[in-house]
Amino acid sequence: MTGFLLRRLVNYVVLAFVATFLAFSLASITFDPIGVLQQRNPPPPAATIDAKRHDLHLDQPIPQRFFTWMGGVVQGDFGRTIADRPITDELGRRVGVSLRLFLLGITIGILFGVLLGVVSAIRQYKFSDYFATLFSFVVLSTPVFVLGTVLKLGAQNLNNSIGDNVLLFTGETTPGFEGSWIASLLDRVQHLIVPTLTIALGQIAYYSRYQRSSMLDVLGSDFLRTAQAKGLTRRKALFKHGLRTALIPMATLFAFGFGLLVVGGTFTERLFSWFGMGDWLITGISTQDTNVTATVTLFVAVCVLFSGWLADVLYAALDPRIRI
């Protein structure tokens, strides 16, 4: 199994390299960073323009420019933005923002989505199943910016009824906040609740539908009847054998869902003023910044492909045939 996982990891590294090269090449062909600089009012001096052209290696062919940039990436230097700021420093901050925002929401979404899907499958065509189906369809059909806005209004109404700002939903922290580390942590939690709930509701609705379908396929299987015939109660047979089998096809959804959502939650980040990787990608494209766009693409590729490798690990953990 170790050799299989190592081969998959090498494949994913190659794919990440190819994806980053294609994004860098496309950005280099379509972007005109010098034109963006020249459109500023007042326009920068000619010497500044020439220096920026040299810093961005615009006189080199695209493949050479890419390998020059990758040489810096290997050494931990992702270059500089079009505004001449180091990307490496900004990258660490943005990654931290996205992970803090999405990691908890996705984890809650997976846990409750699986639970809701299993309950719906076991109680098929009962009231709880119909209620879960209605909830999922309503949430899935609601755009995230609408869902987030509704939750913000609900949080504001709750604050008004209590007479205090218990739920905060703009930014990561209160600007200029000063206090002990416990007070600072509480302030961050207050800012995290509403956006986390926005993410978690969508994930619960999404995963519960797939988990219900996967669990229904397992409920009528022969191995469950055999387990019960050997003396296991229905509850033990379902959770010891049925749920484990039903989780196997879900492993890919769990892994890739996390990798894609970390940078795909642009609406959520902008709605709640959390300036993470998704927001940075939009900023990089709008300012025609090749280095920023390539950096975010590399991060996305690493997240998605690492998620694929993690899915292989989950498959091996859940399915003994793969370990053999």
C-alpha atoms as a PDB file:
ATOM      1  CA  MET A   1       0.000   0.000   0.000  1.00  0.00           C
ATOM      2  CA  THR A   2       2.893   2.366   0.752  1.00  0.00           C
ATOM      3  CA  GLY A   3       4.243   1.994  -2.774  1.00  0.00           C
ATOM      4  CA  PHE A   4       0.795   2.686  -4.221  1.00  0.00           C
ATOM      5  CA  LEU A   5       0.426   5.872  -2.163  1.00  0.00           C
ATOM      6  CA  LEU A   6       3.931   7.059  -3.097  1.00  0.00           C
ATOM      7  CA  ARG A   7       3.233   6.555  -6.807  1.00  0.00           C
ATOM      8  CA  ARG A   8      -0.002   8.493  -6.490  1.00  0.00           C
ATOM      9  CA  LEU A   9       1.792  11.282  -4.653  1.00  0.00           C
ATOM     10  CA  VAL A  10       4.390  11.591  -7.440  1.00  0.00           C
ATOM     11  CA  ASN A  11       1.595  11.742 -10.019  1.00  0.00           C
ATOM     12  CA  TYR A  12      -0.107  14.522  -8.084  1.00  0.00           C
ATOM     13  CA  VAL A  13       3.118  16.541  -7.846  1.00  0.00           C
ATOM     14  CA  VAL A  14       3.491  16.370 -11.628  1.00  0.00           C
ATOM     15  CA  LEU A  15      -0.143  17.393 -12.126  1.00  0.00           C
ATOM     16  CA  ALA A  16       0.285  20.359  -9.764  1.00  0.00           C
ATOM     17  CA  PHE A  17       3.328  21.481 -11.758  1.00  0.00           C
ATOM     18  CA  VAL A  18       1.457  21.202 -15.072  1.00  0.00           C
ATOM     19  CA  ALA A  19      -1.614  23.040 -13.747  1.00  0.00           C
ATOM     20  CA  THR A  20       0.524  25.891 -12.420  1.00  0.00           C
ATOM     21  CA  PHE A  21       2.445  26.179 -15.698  1.00  0.00           C
ATOM     22  CA  LEU A  22      -0.780  26.360 -17.717  1.00  0.00           C
ATOM     23  CA  ALA A  23      -2.240  29.041 -15.405  1.00  0.00           C
ATOM     24  CA  PHE A  24       1.008  31.028 -15.505  1.00  0.00           C
ATOM     25  CA  SER A  25       1.136  30.813 -19.297  1.00  0.00           C
ATOM     26  CA  LEU A  26      -2.497  31.862 -19.712  1.00  0.00           C
ATOM     27  CA  ALA A  27      -2.040  34.793 -17.345  1.00  0.00           C
ATOM     28  CA  SER A  28       1.165  35.849 -19.114  1.00  0.00           C
ATOM     29  CA  ILE A  29      -0.567  35.804 -22.498  1.00  0.00           C
ATOM     30  CA  THR A  30      -3.710  37.687 -21.447  1.00  0.00           C
ATOM     31  CA  PHE A  31      -2.481  40.064 -18.735  1.00  0.00           C
ATOM     32  CA  ASP A  32      -0.868  43.432 -19.417  1.00  0.00           C
ATOM     33  CA  PRO A  33       0.581  44.574 -16.063  1.00  0.00           C
ATOM     34  CA  ILE A  34       2.602  47.365 -17.658  1.00  0.00           C
ATOM     35  CA  GLY A  35      -0.566  48.753 -19.240  1.00  0.00           C
ATOM     36  CA  VAL A  36      -2.226  48.732 -15.811  1.00  0.00           C
ATOM     37  CA  LEU A  37       0.668  50.715 -14.362  1.00  0.00           C
ATOM     38  CA  GLN A  38       0.601  53.228 -17.220  1.00  0.00           C
ATOM     39  CA  GLN A  39      -3.115  53.867 -16.625  1.00  0.00           C
ATOM     40  CA  ARG A  40      -2.525  55.145 -13.098  1.00  0.00           C
ATOM     41  CA  ASN A  41      -3.131  58.813 -12.431  1.00  0.00           C
ATOM     42  CA  PRO A  42      -0.544  60.229 -12.340  1.00  0.00           C
ATOM     43  CA  PRO A  43       1.360  57.604 -14.401  1.00  0.00           C
ATOM     44  CA  PRO A  44       4.620  56.297 -12.905  1.00  0.00           C
ATOM     45  CA  PRO A  45       7.921  57.570 -14.322  1.00  0.00           C
ATOM     46  CA  ALA A  46       9.437  55.724 -17.271  1.00  0.00           C
ATOM     47  CA  ALA A  47      12.240  54.457 -15.045  1.00  0.00           C
ATOM     48  CA  THR A  48       9.691  52.831 -12.721  1.00  0.00           C
ATOM     49  CA  ILE A  49       7.955  51.183 -15.675  1.00  0.00           C
ATOM     50  CA  ASP A  50      11.261  49.815 -16.992  1.00  0.00           C
ATOM     51  CA  ALA A  51      12.204  48.534 -13.539  1.00  0.00           C
ATOM     52  CA  LYS A  52       8.858  46.755 -13.173  1.00  0.00           C
ATOM     53  CA  ARG A  53       9.234  45.209 -16.637  1.00  0.00           C
ATOM     54  CA  HIS A  54      12.653  43.913 -15.573  1.00  0.00           C
ATOM     55  CA  ASP A  55      11.365  42.623 -12.202  1.00  0.00           C
ATOM     56  CA  LEU A  56       8.564  40.719 -13.944  1.00  0.00           C
ATOM     57  CA  HIS A  57      10.997  39.318 -16.556  1.00  0.00           C
ATOM     58  CA  LEU A  58       8.680  40.424 -19.338  1.00  0.00           C
ATOM     59  CA  ASP A  59      11.592  40.364 -21.780  1.00  0.00           C
ATOM     60  CA  GLN A  60      11.903  36.576 -21.383  1.00  0.00           C
ATOM     61  CA  PRO A  61       9.858  33.886 -23.171  1.00  0.00           C
ATOM     62  CA  ILE A  62       6.980  32.519 -21.098  1.00  0.00           C
ATOM     63  CA  PRO A  63       8.576  29.098 -20.330  1.00  0.00           C
ATOM     64  CA  GLN A  64      11.804  30.776 -19.189  1.00  0.00           C
ATOM     65  CA  ARG A  65       9.799  33.273 -17.142  1.00  0.00           C
ATOM     66  CA  PHE A  66       7.883  30.428 -15.496  1.00  0.00           C
ATOM     67  CA  PHE A  67      11.002  28.475 -14.562  1.00  0.00           C
ATOM     68  CA  THR A  68      12.560  31.665 -13.199  1.00  0.00           C
ATOM     69  CA  TRP A  69       9.487  32.133 -11.005  1.00  0.00           C
ATOM     70  CA  MET A  70       9.434  28.445  -9.983  1.00  0.00           C
ATOM     71  CA  GLY A  71      13.109  28.662  -9.045  1.00  0.00           C
ATOM     72  CA  GLY A  72      12.166  31.324  -6.521  1.00  0.00           C
ATOM     73  CA  VAL A  73       9.151  29.308  -5.330  1.00  0.00           C
ATOM     74  CA  VAL A  74      11.375  26.321  -4.531  1.00  0.00           C
ATOM     75  CA  GLN A  75      13.426  28.660  -2.330  1.00  0.00           C
ATOM     76  CA  GLY A  76      10.304  30.098  -0.680  1.00  0.00           C
ATOM     77  CA  ASP A  77      10.161  33.279  -2.762  1.00  0.00           C
ATOM     78  CA  PHE A  78       6.930  33.691  -4.735  1.00  0.00           C
ATOM     79  CA  GLY A  79       8.009  37.000  -6.235  1.00  0.00           C
ATOM     80  CA  ARG A  80       6.382  40.378  -5.746  1.00  0.00           C
ATOM     81  CA  THR A  81       2.963  41.780  -6.570  1.00  0.00           C
ATOM     82  CA  ILE A  82       2.427  44.449  -9.203  1.00  0.00           C
ATOM     83  CA  ALA A  83       2.347  46.910  -6.290  1.00  0.00           C
ATOM     84  CA  ASP A  84       5.889  45.702  -5.387  1.00  0.00           C
ATOM     85  CA  ARG A  85       4.907  43.878  -2.200  1.00  0.00           C
ATOM     86  CA  PRO A  86       6.384  40.466  -1.299  1.00  0.00           C
ATOM     87  CA  ILE A  87       3.897  37.702  -2.099  1.00  0.00           C
ATOM     88  CA  THR A  88       5.343  35.257   0.437  1.00  0.00           C
ATOM     89  CA  ASP A  89       4.330  37.401   3.423  1.00  0.00           C
ATOM     90  CA  GLU A  90       0.816  37.939   2.080  1.00  0.00           C
ATOM     91  CA  LEU A  91       0.470  34.250   1.164  1.00  0.00           C
ATOM     92  CA  GLY A  92       0.913  33.063   4.738  1.00  0.00           C
ATOM     93  CA  ARG A  93      -1.695  35.488   6.037  1.00  0.00           C
ATOM     94  CA  ARG A  94      -4.223  34.666   3.312  1.00  0.00           C
ATOM     95  CA  VAL A  95      -3.850  30.912   3.723  1.00  0.00           C
ATOM     96  CA  GLY A  96      -4.417  31.284   7.461  1.00  0.00           C
ATOM     97  CA  VAL A  97      -7.586  33.298   6.848  1.00  0.00           C
ATOM     98  CA  SER A  98      -9.039  30.733   4.436  1.00  0.00           C
ATOM     99  CA  LEU A  99      -8.192  27.772   6.655  1.00  0.00           C
ATOM    100  CA  ARG A 100      -9.686  29.418   9.744  1.00  0.00           C
ATOM    101  CA  LEU A 101     -12.833  30.266   7.841  1.00  0.00           C
ATOM    102  CA  PHE A 102     -13.444  26.999   6.001  1.00  0.00           C
ATOM    103  CA  LEU A 103     -11.862  24.208   8.038  1.00  0.00           C
ATOM    104  CA  LEU A 104     -14.387  24.336  10.877  1.00  0.00           C
ATOM    105  CA  GLY A 105     -17.365  24.851   8.551  1.00  0.00           C
ATOM    106  CA  ILE A 106     -16.402  21.923   6.326  1.00  0.00           C
ATOM    107  CA  THR A 107     -15.760  19.637   9.303  1.00  0.00           C
ATOM    108  CA  ILE A 108     -19.159  20.439  10.818  1.00  0.00           C
ATOM    109  CA  GLY A 109     -20.786  20.055   7.394  1.00  0.00           C
ATOM    110  CA  ILE A 110     -19.278  16.609   6.843  1.00  0.00           C
ATOM    111  CA  LEU A 111     -20.142  15.272  10.317  1.00  0.00           C
ATOM    112  CA  PHE A 112     -23.751  16.473  10.357  1.00  0.00           C
ATOM    113  CA  GLY A 113     -24.221  15.785   6.636  1.00  0.00           C
ATOM    114  CA  VAL A 114     -23.230  12.143   7.105  1.00  0.00           C
ATOM    115  CA  LEU A 115     -25.409  11.835  10.199  1.00  0.00           C
ATOM    116  CA  LEU A 116     -28.411  13.391   8.465  1.00  0.00           C
ATOM    117  CA  GLY A 117     -27.935  11.199   5.392  1.00  0.00           C
ATOM    118  CA  VAL A 118     -27.710   8.021   7.462  1.00  0.00           C
ATOM    119  CA  VAL A 119     -30.808   8.880   9.490  1.00  0.00           C
ATOM    120  CA  SER A 120     -32.728   9.715   6.312  1.00  0.00           C
ATOM    121  CA  ALA A 121     -31.773   6.394   4.741  1.00  0.00           C
ATOM    122  CA  ILE A 122     -32.633   4.313   7.814  1.00  0.00           C
ATOM    123  CA  ARG A 123     -35.970   6.143   8.205  1.00  0.00           C
ATOM    124  CA  GLN A 124     -36.767   6.236   4.505  1.00  0.00           C
ATOM    125  CA  TYR A 125     -40.141   7.832   3.655  1.00  0.00           C
ATOM    126  CA  LYS A 126     -40.709   8.827   7.286  1.00  0.00           C
ATOM    127  CA  PHE A 127     -41.303  12.405   8.404  1.00  0.00           C
ATOM    128  CA  SER A 128     -37.621  12.918   9.278  1.00  0.00           C
ATOM    129  CA  ASP A 129     -36.613  11.794   5.779  1.00  0.00           C
ATOM    130  CA  TYR A 130     -39.047  14.191   4.110  1.00  0.00           C
ATOM    131  CA  PHE A 131     -37.938  17.016   6.393  1.00  0.00           C
ATOM    132  CA  ALA A 132     -34.240  16.389   5.650  1.00  0.00           C
ATOM    133  CA  THR A 133     -34.976  16.270   1.916  1.00  0.00           C
ATOM    134  CA  LEU A 134     -36.891  19.546   2.038  1.00  0.00           C
ATOM    135  CA  PHE A 135     -34.137  21.201   4.078  1.00  0.00           C
ATOM    136  CA  SER A 136     -31.435  20.015   1.672  1.00  0.00           C
ATOM    137  CA  PHE A 137     -33.265  21.131  -1.455  1.00  0.00           C
ATOM    138  CA  VAL A 138     -34.049  24.562   0.001  1.00  0.00           C
ATOM    139  CA  VAL A 139     -30.440  25.159   1.060  1.00  0.00           C
ATOM    140  CA  LEU A 140     -28.942  23.795  -2.169  1.00  0.00           C
ATOM    141  CA  SER A 141     -31.233  25.969  -4.293  1.00  0.00           C
ATOM    142  CA  THR A 142     -30.304  29.118  -2.347  1.00  0.00           C
ATOM    143  CA  PRO A 143     -27.187  30.987  -3.584  1.00  0.00           C
ATOM    144  CA  VAL A 144     -24.548  31.318  -0.900  1.00  0.00           C
ATOM    145  CA  PHE A 145     -24.643  35.115  -0.948  1.00  0.00           C
ATOM    146  CA  VAL A 146     -28.405  34.999  -0.332  1.00  0.00           C
ATOM    147  CA  LEU A 147     -28.036  32.443   2.456  1.00  0.00           C
ATOM    148  CA  GLY A 148     -25.249  34.481   4.038  1.00  0.00           C
ATOM    149  CA  THR A 149     -27.270  37.691   3.828  1.00  0.00           C
ATOM    150  CA  VAL A 150     -30.270  36.004   5.471  1.00  0.00           C
ATOM    151  CA  LEU A 151     -28.076  34.719   8.290  1.00  0.00           C
ATOM    152  CA  LYS A 152     -26.545  38.190   8.742  1.00  0.00           C
ATOM    153  CA  LEU A 153     -30.037  39.670   9.061  1.00  0.00           C
ATOM    154  CA  GLY A 154     -30.966  36.962  11.547  1.00  0.00           C
ATOM    155  CA  ALA A 155     -27.826  37.655  13.578  1.00  0.00           C
ATOM    156  CA  GLN A 156     -28.576  41.385  13.560  1.00  0.00           C
ATOM    157  CA  ASN A 157     -32.138  40.767  14.755  1.00  0.00           C
ATOM    158  CA  LEU A 158     -30.814  38.510  17.496  1.00  0.00           C
ATOM    159  CA  ASN A 159     -28.361  41.213  18.599  1.00  0.00           C
ATOM    160  CA  ASN A 160     -31.145  43.794  18.653  1.00  0.00           C
ATOM    161  CA  SER A 161     -33.426  41.556  20.696  1.00  0.00           C
ATOM    162  CA  ILE A 162     -30.659  40.824  23.223  1.00  0.00           C
ATOM    163  CA  GLY A 163     -29.465  44.414  23.293  1.00  0.00           C
ATOM    164  CA  ASP A 164     -25.827  43.474  22.732  1.00  0.00           C
ATOM    165  CA  ASN A 165     -23.620  42.502  19.778  1.00  0.00           C
ATOM    166  CA  VAL A 166     -23.244  38.814  20.546  1.00  0.00           C
ATOM    167  CA  LEU A 167     -22.829  37.725  16.921  1.00  0.00           C
ATOM    168  CA  LEU A 168     -20.384  39.723  14.804  1.00  0.00           C
ATOM    169  CA  PHE A 169     -20.136  39.104  11.082  1.00  0.00           C
ATOM    170  CA  THR A 170     -17.789  41.658   9.485  1.00  0.00           C
ATOM    171  CA  GLY A 171     -14.116  40.739   9.311  1.00  0.00           C
ATOM    172  CA  GLU A 172     -12.051  38.347  11.398  1.00  0.00           C
ATOM    173  CA  THR A 173     -11.758  40.587  14.447  1.00  0.00           C
ATOM    174  CA  THR A 174     -12.988  43.918  15.743  1.00  0.00           C
ATOM    175  CA  PRO A 175     -10.727  46.695  14.353  1.00  0.00           C
ATOM    176  CA  GLY A 176      -8.438  48.080  17.046  1.00  0.00           C
ATOM    177  CA  PHE A 177      -9.486  45.426  19.566  1.00  0.00           C
ATOM    178  CA  GLU A 178      -7.303  45.276  22.666  1.00  0.00           C
ATOM    179  CA  GLY A 179      -7.604  42.837  25.520  1.00  0.00           C
ATOM    180  CA  SER A 180      -6.366  39.576  26.994  1.00  0.00           C
ATOM    181  CA  TRP A 181      -5.849  36.507  24.846  1.00  0.00           C
ATOM    182  CA  ILE A 182      -9.105  35.058  26.172  1.00  0.00           C
ATOM    183  CA  ALA A 183     -10.994  38.205  25.164  1.00  0.00           C
ATOM    184  CA  SER A 184      -9.255  38.162  21.786  1.00  0.00           C
ATOM    185  CA  LEU A 185     -10.209  34.518  21.266  1.00  0.00           C
ATOM    186  CA  LEU A 186     -13.830  35.262  22.220  1.00  0.00           C
ATOM    187  CA  ASP A 187     -13.883  38.145  19.735  1.00  0.00           C
ATOM    188  CA  ARG A 188     -12.656  35.852  16.961  1.00  0.00           C
ATOM    189  CA  VAL A 189     -15.272  33.232  17.851  1.00  0.00           C
ATOM    190  CA  GLN A 190     -18.015  35.869  17.692  1.00  0.00           C
ATOM    191  CA  HIS A 191     -16.862  36.802  14.186  1.00  0.00           C
ATOM    192  CA  LEU A 192     -16.601  33.153  13.147  1.00  0.00           C
ATOM    193  CA  ILE A 193     -20.057  31.829  14.067  1.00  0.00           C
ATOM    194  CA  VAL A 194     -22.188  33.307  11.262  1.00  0.00           C
ATOM    195  CA  PRO A 195     -19.806  32.637   8.319  1.00  0.00           C
ATOM    196  CA  THR A 196     -19.112  29.135   9.657  1.00  0.00           C
ATOM    197  CA  LEU A 197     -22.849  28.462   9.827  1.00  0.00           C
ATOM    198  CA  THR A 198     -23.210  29.705   6.225  1.00  0.00           C
ATOM    199  CA  ILE A 199     -20.579  27.240   5.049  1.00  0.00           C
ATOM    200  CA  ALA A 200     -21.774  24.364   7.239  1.00  0.00           C
ATOM    201  CA  LEU A 201     -25.420  24.548   6.117  1.00  0.00           C
ATOM    202  CA  GLY A 202     -24.459  24.225   2.468  1.00  0.00           C
ATOM    203  CA  GLN A 203     -22.123  21.323   3.212  1.00  0.00           C
ATOM    204  CA  ILE A 204     -24.712  19.525   5.358  1.00  0.00           C
ATOM    205  CA  ALA A 205     -27.293  19.758   2.588  1.00  0.00           C
ATOM    206  CA  TYR A 206     -24.783  18.615  -0.040  1.00  0.00           C
ATOM    207  CA  TYR A 207     -23.282  15.637   1.772  1.00  0.00           C
ATOM    208  CA  SER A 208     -26.551  14.413   3.274  1.00  0.00           C
ATOM    209  CA  ARG A 209     -28.012  13.762  -0.189  1.00  0.00           C
ATOM    210  CA  TYR A 210     -25.037  11.673  -1.282  1.00  0.00           C
ATOM    211  CA  GLN A 211     -24.778   9.854   2.040  1.00  0.00           C
ATOM    212  CA  ARG A 212     -28.467   8.955   1.965  1.00  0.00           C
ATOM    213  CA  SER A 213     -28.117   7.464  -1.522  1.00  0.00           C
ATOM    214  CA  SER A 214     -24.956   5.578  -0.589  1.00  0.00           C
ATOM    215  CA  MET A 215     -26.518   4.227   2.614  1.00  0.00           C
ATOM    216  CA  LEU A 216     -29.660   3.067   0.792  1.00  0.00           C
ATOM    217  CA  ASP A 217     -27.479   0.981  -1.535  1.00  0.00           C
ATOM    218  CA  VAL A 218     -25.979  -0.757   1.494  1.00  0.00           C
ATOM    219  CA  LEU A 219     -29.167  -1.384   3.501  1.00  0.00           C
ATOM    220  CA  GLY A 220     -30.379  -4.188   1.258  1.00  0.00           C
ATOM    221  CA  SER A 221     -26.994  -5.883   0.869  1.00  0.00           C
ATOM    222  CA  ASP A 222     -26.347  -9.523   1.684  1.00  0.00           C
ATOM    223  CA  PHE A 223     -23.471  -8.895   4.092  1.00  0.00           C
ATOM    224  CA  LEU A 224     -25.741  -6.903   6.426  1.00  0.00           C
ATOM    225  CA  ARG A 225     -28.256  -9.748   6.566  1.00  0.00           C
ATOM    226  CA  THR A 226     -25.403 -12.181   7.175  1.00  0.00           C
ATOM    227  CA  ALA A 227     -24.049 -10.030  10.032  1.00  0.00           C
ATOM    228  CA  GLN A 228     -27.492  -9.956  11.651  1.00  0.00           C
ATOM    229  CA  ALA A 229     -27.907 -13.689  11.137  1.00  0.00           C
ATOM    230  CA  LYS A 230     -24.654 -14.231  13.038  1.00  0.00           C
ATOM    231  CA  GLY A 231     -26.073 -12.433  16.063  1.00  0.00           C
ATOM    232  CA  LEU A 232     -25.342  -8.735  15.587  1.00  0.00           C
ATOM    233  CA  THR A 233     -28.165  -6.363  16.362  1.00  0.00           C
ATOM    234  CA  ARG A 234     -29.439  -4.235  13.500  1.00  0.00           C
ATOM    235  CA  ARG A 235     -27.892  -1.115  15.041  1.00  0.00           C
ATOM    236  CA  LYS A 236     -24.441  -2.730  15.367  1.00  0.00           C
ATOM    237  CA  ALA A 237     -24.621  -4.216  11.874  1.00  0.00           C
ATOM    238  CA  LEU A 238     -25.549  -0.838  10.389  1.00  0.00           C
ATOM    239  CA  PHE A 239     -22.835   1.171  12.083  1.00  0.00           C
ATOM    240  CA  LYS A 240     -20.063  -1.440  12.179  1.00  0.00           C
ATOM    241  CA  HIS A 241     -20.447  -2.754   8.635  1.00  0.00           C
ATOM    242  CA  GLY A 242     -23.045  -0.727   6.749  1.00  0.00           C
ATOM    243  CA  LEU A 243     -21.836   2.791   7.501  1.00  0.00           C
ATOM    244  CA  ARG A 244     -18.195   1.905   6.850  1.00  0.00           C
ATOM    245  CA  THR A 245     -19.081   0.532   3.431  1.00  0.00           C
ATOM    246  CA  ALA A 246     -21.343   3.485   2.642  1.00  0.00           C
ATOM    247  CA  LEU A 247     -18.535   5.909   3.472  1.00  0.00           C
ATOM    248  CA  ILE A 248     -16.168   4.465   0.844  1.00  0.00           C
ATOM    249  CA  PRO A 249     -17.667   6.308  -2.181  1.00  0.00           C
ATOM    250  CA  MET A 250     -17.989   9.441  -0.024  1.00  0.00           C
ATOM    251  CA  ALA A 251     -14.239   9.654   0.621  1.00  0.00           C
ATOM    252  CA  THR A 252     -13.577  11.356  -2.706  1.00  0.00           C
ATOM    253  CA  LEU A 253     -16.333  13.907  -2.085  1.00  0.00           C
ATOM    254  CA  PHE A 254     -14.971  14.717   1.365  1.00  0.00           C
ATOM    255  CA  ALA A 255     -11.414  15.208   0.167  1.00  0.00           C
ATOM    256  CA  PHE A 256     -12.010  17.130  -3.034  1.00  0.00           C
ATOM    257  CA  GLY A 257     -14.817  19.138  -1.455  1.00  0.00           C
ATOM    258  CA  PHE A 258     -12.369  20.553   1.055  1.00  0.00           C
ATOM    259  CA  GLY A 259      -9.686  21.263  -1.535  1.00  0.00           C
ATOM    260  CA  LEU A 260     -12.064  23.134  -3.821  1.00  0.00           C
ATOM    261  CA  LEU A 261     -13.960  25.059  -1.156  1.00  0.00           C
ATOM    262  CA  VAL A 262     -10.865  26.574   0.461  1.00  0.00           C
ATOM    263  CA  VAL A 263     -10.389  28.826  -2.550  1.00  0.00           C
ATOM    264  CA  GLY A 264     -13.844  28.493  -4.090  1.00  0.00           C
ATOM    265  CA  GLY A 265     -15.603  30.327  -1.266  1.00  0.00           C
ATOM    266  CA  THR A 266     -15.014  33.754  -2.782  1.00  0.00           C
ATOM    267  CA  PHE A 267     -18.595  34.889  -2.183  1.00  0.00           C
ATOM    268  CA  THR A 268     -18.430  33.861   1.467  1.00  0.00           C
ATOM    269  CA  GLU A 269     -15.113  35.641   1.991  1.00  0.00           C
ATOM    270  CA  ARG A 270     -16.292  38.864   0.377  1.00  0.00           C
ATOM    271  CA  LEU A 271     -19.709  38.771   2.036  1.00  0.00           C
ATOM    272  CA  PHE A 272     -18.173  38.605   5.511  1.00  0.00           C
ATOM    273  CA  SER A 273     -14.994  40.604   4.686  1.00  0.00           C
ATOM    274  CA  TRP A 274     -12.612  37.705   5.257  1.00  0.00           C
ATOM    275  CA  PHE A 275      -9.772  38.393   2.838  1.00  0.00           C
ATOM    276  CA  GLY A 276      -8.451  34.917   2.070  1.00  0.00           C
ATOM    277  CA  MET A 277      -7.225  33.072  -1.008  1.00  0.00           C
ATOM    278  CA  GLY A 278     -10.473  33.326  -2.976  1.00  0.00           C
ATOM    279  CA  ASP A 279     -10.579  37.078  -2.564  1.00  0.00           C
ATOM    280  CA  TRP A 280      -6.885  37.282  -3.469  1.00  0.00           C
ATOM    281  CA  LEU A 281      -7.504  35.427  -6.736  1.00  0.00           C
ATOM    282  CA  ILE A 282     -10.148  37.972  -7.732  1.00  0.00           C
ATOM    283  CA  THR A 283      -7.783  40.798  -6.783  1.00  0.00           C
ATOM    284  CA  GLY A 284      -4.931  39.253  -8.782  1.00  0.00           C
ATOM    285  CA  ILE A 285      -7.079  38.878 -11.893  1.00  0.00           C
ATOM    286  CA  SER A 286      -8.553  42.384 -11.622  1.00  0.00           C
ATOM    287  CA  THR A 287      -5.079  43.939 -11.282  1.00  0.00           C
ATOM    288  CA  GLN A 288      -3.657  41.586 -13.964  1.00  0.00           C
ATOM    289  CA  ASP A 289      -1.004  40.338 -11.581  1.00  0.00           C
ATOM    290  CA  THR A 290       0.555  37.172 -13.026  1.00  0.00           C
ATOM    291  CA  ASN A 291       2.546  36.260  -9.910  1.00  0.00           C
ATOM    292  CA  VAL A 292      -0.478  36.469  -7.613  1.00  0.00           C
ATOM    293  CA  THR A 293      -2.640  34.466 -10.023  1.00  0.00           C
ATOM    294  CA  ALA A 294       0.027  31.784 -10.418  1.00  0.00           C
ATOM    295  CA  THR A 295       0.586  31.625  -6.642  1.00  0.00           C
ATOM    296  CA  VAL A 296      -3.110  31.113  -5.921  1.00  0.00           C
ATOM    297  CA  THR A 297      -3.336  28.521  -8.712  1.00  0.00           C
ATOM    298  CA  LEU A 298      -0.396  26.619  -7.216  1.00  0.00           C
ATOM    299  CA  PHE A 299      -2.080  26.705  -3.820  1.00  0.00           C
ATOM    300  CA  VAL A 300      -5.355  25.434  -5.313  1.00  0.00           C
ATOM    301  CA  ALA A 301      -3.531  22.679  -7.211  1.00  0.00           C
ATOM    302  CA  VAL A 302      -1.730  21.569  -4.064  1.00  0.00           C
ATOM    303  CA  CYS A 303      -4.991  21.593  -2.059  1.00  0.00           C
ATOM    304  CA  VAL A 304      -6.960  19.659  -4.677  1.00  0.00           C
ATOM    305  CA  LEU A 305      -4.241  17.136  -5.456  1.00  0.00           C
ATOM    306  CA  PHE A 306      -3.364  16.616  -1.796  1.00  0.00           C
ATOM    307  CA  SER A 307      -7.080  16.045  -1.252  1.00  0.00           C
ATOM    308  CA  GLY A 308      -6.974  13.407  -3.984  1.00  0.00           C
ATOM    309  CA  TRP A 309      -4.060  11.709  -2.245  1.00  0.00           C
ATOM    310  CA  LEU A 310      -5.946  11.948   1.049  1.00  0.00           C
ATOM    311  CA  ALA A 311      -8.921  10.278  -0.648  1.00  0.00           C
ATOM    312  CA  ASP A 312      -6.623   7.377  -1.608  1.00  0.00           C
ATOM    313  CA  VAL A 313      -5.568   7.092   2.037  1.00  0.00           C
ATOM    314  CA  LEU A 314      -9.209   7.088   3.161  1.00  0.00           C
ATOM    315  CA  TYR A 315     -10.053   4.420   0.602  1.00  0.00           C
ATOM    316  CA  ALA A 316      -7.218   2.271   1.925  1.00  0.00           C
ATOM    317  CA  ALA A 317      -8.388   2.800   5.505  1.00  0.00           C
ATOM    318  CA  LEU A 318     -12.022   1.961   4.734  1.00  0.00           C
ATOM    319  CA  ASP A 319     -11.574  -0.824   2.153  1.00  0.00           C
ATOM    320  CA  PRO A 320      -9.266  -3.723   3.149  1.00  0.00           C
ATOM    321  CA  ARG A 321      -9.124  -4.900  -0.496  1.00  0.00           C
ATOM    322  CA  ILE A 322      -7.057  -1.817  -1.390  1.00  0.00           C
ATOM    323  CA  ARG A 323      -4.631  -2.446   1.491  1.00  0.00           C
ATOM    324  CA  ILE A 324      -4.111  -6.002   0.237  1.00  0.00           C
END
